[in-house]
Amino acid sequence: MRIMSFLAAVGFVAAIFTPGWAQADKDETKKLQGAWVLTKLMVGGVEVPEKDIKGTRFVFEGDKLTVVPALPEVDTVDKRTFTFKLDPKQKPAAVDLTALDGDAKGTVSPGIYELKGDTLRWCQSDDEKNKERPKTFESPDKSRIYVFTFKRAK
């Protein structure tokens, strides 16, 4: 099972961008810059074993997000690159990812995020038919909702 199928299919979910996000997300984008290490992943109501996510990182540079795969001996994540747009004014704060590579290149996926100090929570669906932004940081049983928890890399 490819744990990060979300990352391969993320762009299949359509979303409409809200005008003015560029201004609203400037400070929040600065707060995300750098590397974040994945500490927990819930998919379909089940926590993915640590051995399957160990070493996986999100790296934010400017308006780009690069998903860096786990250690070489763990083959569950593909390297992927996205642009992202934040809307911290929404409750919960909203994010839209646009895939820059892979089969989903050019497509957009809506999600939500929460940034508290050195902890980042991120929630998105990998269901290509789902066009709705998640409303909570929950991964219901048998769903294709991914809830990531990261700690800022030191």
C-alpha atoms as a PDB file:
ATOM      1  CA  MET A   1       0.000   0.000   0.000  1.00  0.00           C
ATOM      2  CA  ARG A   2       1.433   3.369  -0.984  1.00  0.00           C
ATOM      3  CA  ILE A   3       0.744   5.471   2.060  1.00  0.00           C
ATOM      4  CA  MET A   4       1.092   8.685   0.171  1.00  0.00           C
ATOM      5  CA  SER A   5      -1.277   7.957  -2.702  1.00  0.00           C
ATOM      6  CA  PHE A   6      -2.737  11.249  -1.534  1.00  0.00           C
ATOM      7  CA  LEU A   7       0.356  12.927  -2.939  1.00  0.00           C
ATOM      8  CA  ALA A   8      -0.002  11.222  -6.288  1.00  0.00           C
ATOM      9  CA  ALA A   9      -3.708  11.994  -6.591  1.00  0.00           C
ATOM     10  CA  VAL A  10      -3.822  15.292  -4.727  1.00  0.00           C
ATOM     11  CA  GLY A  11      -4.186  17.324  -7.873  1.00  0.00           C
ATOM     12  CA  PHE A  12      -7.316  15.554  -9.055  1.00  0.00           C
ATOM     13  CA  VAL A  13      -9.427  17.467  -6.580  1.00  0.00           C
ATOM     14  CA  ALA A  14     -10.704  20.749  -7.995  1.00  0.00           C
ATOM     15  CA  ALA A  15     -10.912  23.967  -6.011  1.00  0.00           C
ATOM     16  CA  ILE A  16     -11.589  27.629  -6.664  1.00  0.00           C
ATOM     17  CA  PHE A  17      -9.016  30.118  -5.399  1.00  0.00           C
ATOM     18  CA  THR A  18     -10.219  33.069  -3.379  1.00  0.00           C
ATOM     19  CA  PRO A  19      -8.924  36.415  -4.711  1.00  0.00           C
ATOM     20  CA  GLY A  20      -6.595  38.157  -2.305  1.00  0.00           C
ATOM     21  CA  TRP A  21      -5.088  35.013  -0.785  1.00  0.00           C
ATOM     22  CA  ALA A  22      -1.607  36.197  -1.788  1.00  0.00           C
ATOM     23  CA  GLN A  23      -1.786  39.112   0.649  1.00  0.00           C
ATOM     24  CA  ALA A  24      -3.529  37.206   3.426  1.00  0.00           C
ATOM     25  CA  ASP A  25      -1.018  34.364   3.421  1.00  0.00           C
ATOM     26  CA  LYS A  26       2.236  36.358   3.350  1.00  0.00           C
ATOM     27  CA  ASP A  27       3.003  36.195   7.087  1.00  0.00           C
ATOM     28  CA  GLU A  28       1.694  32.651   7.428  1.00  0.00           C
ATOM     29  CA  THR A  29       3.831  31.518   4.478  1.00  0.00           C
ATOM     30  CA  LYS A  30       6.913  32.913   6.226  1.00  0.00           C
ATOM     31  CA  LYS A  31       6.073  30.913   9.356  1.00  0.00           C
ATOM     32  CA  LEU A  32       5.975  27.655   7.346  1.00  0.00           C
ATOM     33  CA  GLN A  33       9.369  28.104   5.672  1.00  0.00           C
ATOM     34  CA  GLY A  34      11.867  25.301   6.179  1.00  0.00           C
ATOM     35  CA  ALA A  35      11.585  21.590   6.866  1.00  0.00           C
ATOM     36  CA  TRP A  36       8.887  19.790   8.866  1.00  0.00           C
ATOM     37  CA  VAL A  37       9.293  16.156   9.946  1.00  0.00           C
ATOM     38  CA  LEU A  38       6.235  13.891   9.802  1.00  0.00           C
ATOM     39  CA  THR A  39       5.517  12.482  13.270  1.00  0.00           C
ATOM     40  CA  LYS A  40       2.034  11.035  12.778  1.00  0.00           C
ATOM     41  CA  LEU A  41      -0.218  10.128   9.868  1.00  0.00           C
ATOM     42  CA  MET A  42      -3.841   9.034  10.058  1.00  0.00           C
ATOM     43  CA  VAL A  43      -5.536   7.540   6.981  1.00  0.00           C
ATOM     44  CA  GLY A  44      -9.024   6.062   6.952  1.00  0.00           C
ATOM     45  CA  GLY A  45      -9.246   6.241  10.712  1.00  0.00           C
ATOM     46  CA  VAL A  46      -6.038   4.262  11.171  1.00  0.00           C
ATOM     47  CA  GLU A  47      -2.644   5.514  12.331  1.00  0.00           C
ATOM     48  CA  VAL A  48       0.108   4.579   9.877  1.00  0.00           C
ATOM     49  CA  PRO A  49       2.999   2.768  11.610  1.00  0.00           C
ATOM     50  CA  GLU A  50       5.994   4.973  12.374  1.00  0.00           C
ATOM     51  CA  LYS A  51       8.305   2.705  10.372  1.00  0.00           C
ATOM     52  CA  ASP A  52       6.299   3.562   7.226  1.00  0.00           C
ATOM     53  CA  ILE A  53       6.636   7.336   7.634  1.00  0.00           C
ATOM     54  CA  LYS A  54       9.969   7.703   9.417  1.00  0.00           C
ATOM     55  CA  GLY A  55      12.051  10.452   7.827  1.00  0.00           C
ATOM     56  CA  THR A  56       9.277  11.890   5.630  1.00  0.00           C
ATOM     57  CA  ARG A  57       9.401  15.679   5.426  1.00  0.00           C
ATOM     58  CA  PHE A  58       7.503  18.601   3.999  1.00  0.00           C
ATOM     59  CA  VAL A  59       9.916  21.347   2.904  1.00  0.00           C
ATOM     60  CA  PHE A  60       8.527  24.830   2.288  1.00  0.00           C
ATOM     61  CA  GLU A  61      10.550  27.264   0.158  1.00  0.00           C
ATOM     62  CA  GLY A  62       8.752  30.435  -0.901  1.00  0.00           C
ATOM     63  CA  ASP A  63       5.402  29.304  -2.323  1.00  0.00           C
ATOM     64  CA  LYS A  64       6.651  25.774  -3.057  1.00  0.00           C
ATOM     65  CA  LEU A  65       6.149  22.617  -1.039  1.00  0.00           C
ATOM     66  CA  THR A  66       8.372  19.609  -1.674  1.00  0.00           C
ATOM     67  CA  VAL A  67       7.460  16.272  -0.191  1.00  0.00           C
ATOM     68  CA  VAL A  68      10.719  14.529   0.655  1.00  0.00           C
ATOM     69  CA  PRO A  69      10.469  10.746   0.902  1.00  0.00           C
ATOM     70  CA  ALA A  70      11.364   8.816   4.007  1.00  0.00           C
ATOM     71  CA  LEU A  71      14.620   6.988   4.453  1.00  0.00           C
ATOM     72  CA  PRO A  72      15.764   4.913   1.451  1.00  0.00           C
ATOM     73  CA  GLU A  73      14.768   1.627   3.098  1.00  0.00           C
ATOM     74  CA  VAL A  74      11.164   2.866   3.468  1.00  0.00           C
ATOM     75  CA  ASP A  75       9.446   2.955   0.069  1.00  0.00           C
ATOM     76  CA  THR A  76       6.107   4.571   0.895  1.00  0.00           C
ATOM     77  CA  VAL A  77       6.454   8.166  -0.325  1.00  0.00           C
ATOM     78  CA  ASP A  78       7.293   9.611  -3.715  1.00  0.00           C
ATOM     79  CA  LYS A  79       9.070  12.948  -4.011  1.00  0.00           C
ATOM     80  CA  ARG A  80       6.524  15.484  -5.197  1.00  0.00           C
ATOM     81  CA  THR A  81       6.460  19.257  -5.638  1.00  0.00           C
ATOM     82  CA  PHE A  82       3.528  21.647  -5.318  1.00  0.00           C
ATOM     83  CA  THR A  83       2.788  25.319  -5.106  1.00  0.00           C
ATOM     84  CA  PHE A  84       0.571  26.283  -2.223  1.00  0.00           C
ATOM     85  CA  LYS A  85      -1.798  29.107  -1.371  1.00  0.00           C
ATOM     86  CA  LEU A  86      -2.917  29.745   2.178  1.00  0.00           C
ATOM     87  CA  ASP A  87      -5.992  31.465   3.533  1.00  0.00           C
ATOM     88  CA  PRO A  88      -5.424  31.824   7.278  1.00  0.00           C
ATOM     89  CA  LYS A  89      -8.623  33.891   7.605  1.00  0.00           C
ATOM     90  CA  GLN A  90     -10.820  30.839   7.062  1.00  0.00           C
ATOM     91  CA  LYS A  91     -11.713  28.687  10.057  1.00  0.00           C
ATOM     92  CA  PRO A  92     -10.007  26.268   9.960  1.00  0.00           C
ATOM     93  CA  ALA A  93      -7.232  27.874   7.900  1.00  0.00           C
ATOM     94  CA  ALA A  94      -7.370  26.772   4.260  1.00  0.00           C
ATOM     95  CA  VAL A  95      -4.684  25.595   1.847  1.00  0.00           C
ATOM     96  CA  ASP A  96      -4.809  24.787  -1.845  1.00  0.00           C
ATOM     97  CA  LEU A  97      -2.048  22.699  -3.410  1.00  0.00           C
ATOM     98  CA  THR A  98      -1.263  22.714  -7.132  1.00  0.00           C
ATOM     99  CA  ALA A  99       0.764  19.735  -8.359  1.00  0.00           C
ATOM    100  CA  LEU A 100       3.886  20.677 -10.335  1.00  0.00           C
ATOM    101  CA  ASP A 101       4.821  17.135 -11.362  1.00  0.00           C
ATOM    102  CA  GLY A 102       3.528  13.592 -11.703  1.00  0.00           C
ATOM    103  CA  ASP A 103       0.261  12.407 -13.220  1.00  0.00           C
ATOM    104  CA  ALA A 104      -1.656  15.127 -11.392  1.00  0.00           C
ATOM    105  CA  LYS A 105       0.471  18.019 -12.731  1.00  0.00           C
ATOM    106  CA  GLY A 106      -1.504  21.258 -12.843  1.00  0.00           C
ATOM    107  CA  THR A 107      -4.419  20.093 -10.738  1.00  0.00           C
ATOM    108  CA  VAL A 108      -5.510  21.622  -7.433  1.00  0.00           C
ATOM    109  CA  SER A 109      -6.487  20.053  -4.102  1.00  0.00           C
ATOM    110  CA  PRO A 110      -8.187  21.862  -1.189  1.00  0.00           C
ATOM    111  CA  GLY A 111      -7.166  21.191   2.392  1.00  0.00           C
ATOM    112  CA  ILE A 112      -6.869  22.704   5.846  1.00  0.00           C
ATOM    113  CA  TYR A 113      -3.938  23.337   8.158  1.00  0.00           C
ATOM    114  CA  GLU A 114      -3.168  24.452  11.685  1.00  0.00           C
ATOM    115  CA  LEU A 115       0.127  25.984  12.783  1.00  0.00           C
ATOM    116  CA  LYS A 116       0.848  26.181  16.513  1.00  0.00           C
ATOM    117  CA  GLY A 117       4.458  26.985  17.336  1.00  0.00           C
ATOM    118  CA  ASP A 118       6.604  24.111  16.078  1.00  0.00           C
ATOM    119  CA  THR A 119       3.643  21.820  15.342  1.00  0.00           C
ATOM    120  CA  LEU A 120       1.879  21.731  11.970  1.00  0.00           C
ATOM    121  CA  ARG A 121      -1.281  19.751  11.263  1.00  0.00           C
ATOM    122  CA  TRP A 122      -2.338  19.301   7.639  1.00  0.00           C
ATOM    123  CA  CYS A 123      -5.475  17.592   6.307  1.00  0.00           C
ATOM    124  CA  GLN A 124      -6.408  16.713   2.715  1.00  0.00           C
ATOM    125  CA  SER A 125      -8.237  14.058   0.752  1.00  0.00           C
ATOM    126  CA  ASP A 126      -6.689  11.905  -1.943  1.00  0.00           C
ATOM    127  CA  ASP A 127     -10.106  11.149  -3.447  1.00  0.00           C
ATOM    128  CA  GLU A 128     -10.047  12.547  -6.978  1.00  0.00           C
ATOM    129  CA  LYS A 129     -13.838  12.889  -6.905  1.00  0.00           C
ATOM    130  CA  ASN A 130     -13.902  14.856  -3.643  1.00  0.00           C
ATOM    131  CA  LYS A 131     -14.165  18.583  -4.311  1.00  0.00           C
ATOM    132  CA  GLU A 132     -14.906  19.607  -0.734  1.00  0.00           C
ATOM    133  CA  ARG A 133     -12.385  21.041   1.670  1.00  0.00           C
ATOM    134  CA  PRO A 134     -12.158  19.060   4.933  1.00  0.00           C
ATOM    135  CA  LYS A 135     -13.825  20.857   7.835  1.00  0.00           C
ATOM    136  CA  THR A 136     -12.028  19.090  10.711  1.00  0.00           C
ATOM    137  CA  PHE A 137      -8.731  17.321  11.368  1.00  0.00           C
ATOM    138  CA  GLU A 138     -10.327  13.886  11.356  1.00  0.00           C
ATOM    139  CA  SER A 139      -9.814  10.829   9.194  1.00  0.00           C
ATOM    140  CA  PRO A 140     -13.056   8.871   9.400  1.00  0.00           C
ATOM    141  CA  ASP A 141     -12.984   5.089   9.182  1.00  0.00           C
ATOM    142  CA  LYS A 142     -12.389   3.882   5.603  1.00  0.00           C
ATOM    143  CA  SER A 143     -12.104   7.455   4.275  1.00  0.00           C
ATOM    144  CA  ARG A 144      -9.399   8.782   1.991  1.00  0.00           C
ATOM    145  CA  ILE A 145      -8.754  11.729   4.292  1.00  0.00           C
ATOM    146  CA  TYR A 146      -5.128  12.142   5.372  1.00  0.00           C
ATOM    147  CA  VAL A 147      -4.282  13.935   8.626  1.00  0.00           C
ATOM    148  CA  PHE A 148      -0.575  14.718   8.930  1.00  0.00           C
ATOM    149  CA  THR A 149       1.173  15.977  12.073  1.00  0.00           C
ATOM    150  CA  PHE A 150       4.634  17.523  11.732  1.00  0.00           C
ATOM    151  CA  LYS A 151       7.289  18.976  14.022  1.00  0.00           C
ATOM    152  CA  ARG A 152       9.623  21.679  12.783  1.00  0.00           C
ATOM    153  CA  ALA A 153      12.994  20.145  11.843  1.00  0.00           C
ATOM    154  CA  LYS A 154      15.896  21.323  13.968  1.00  0.00           C
END
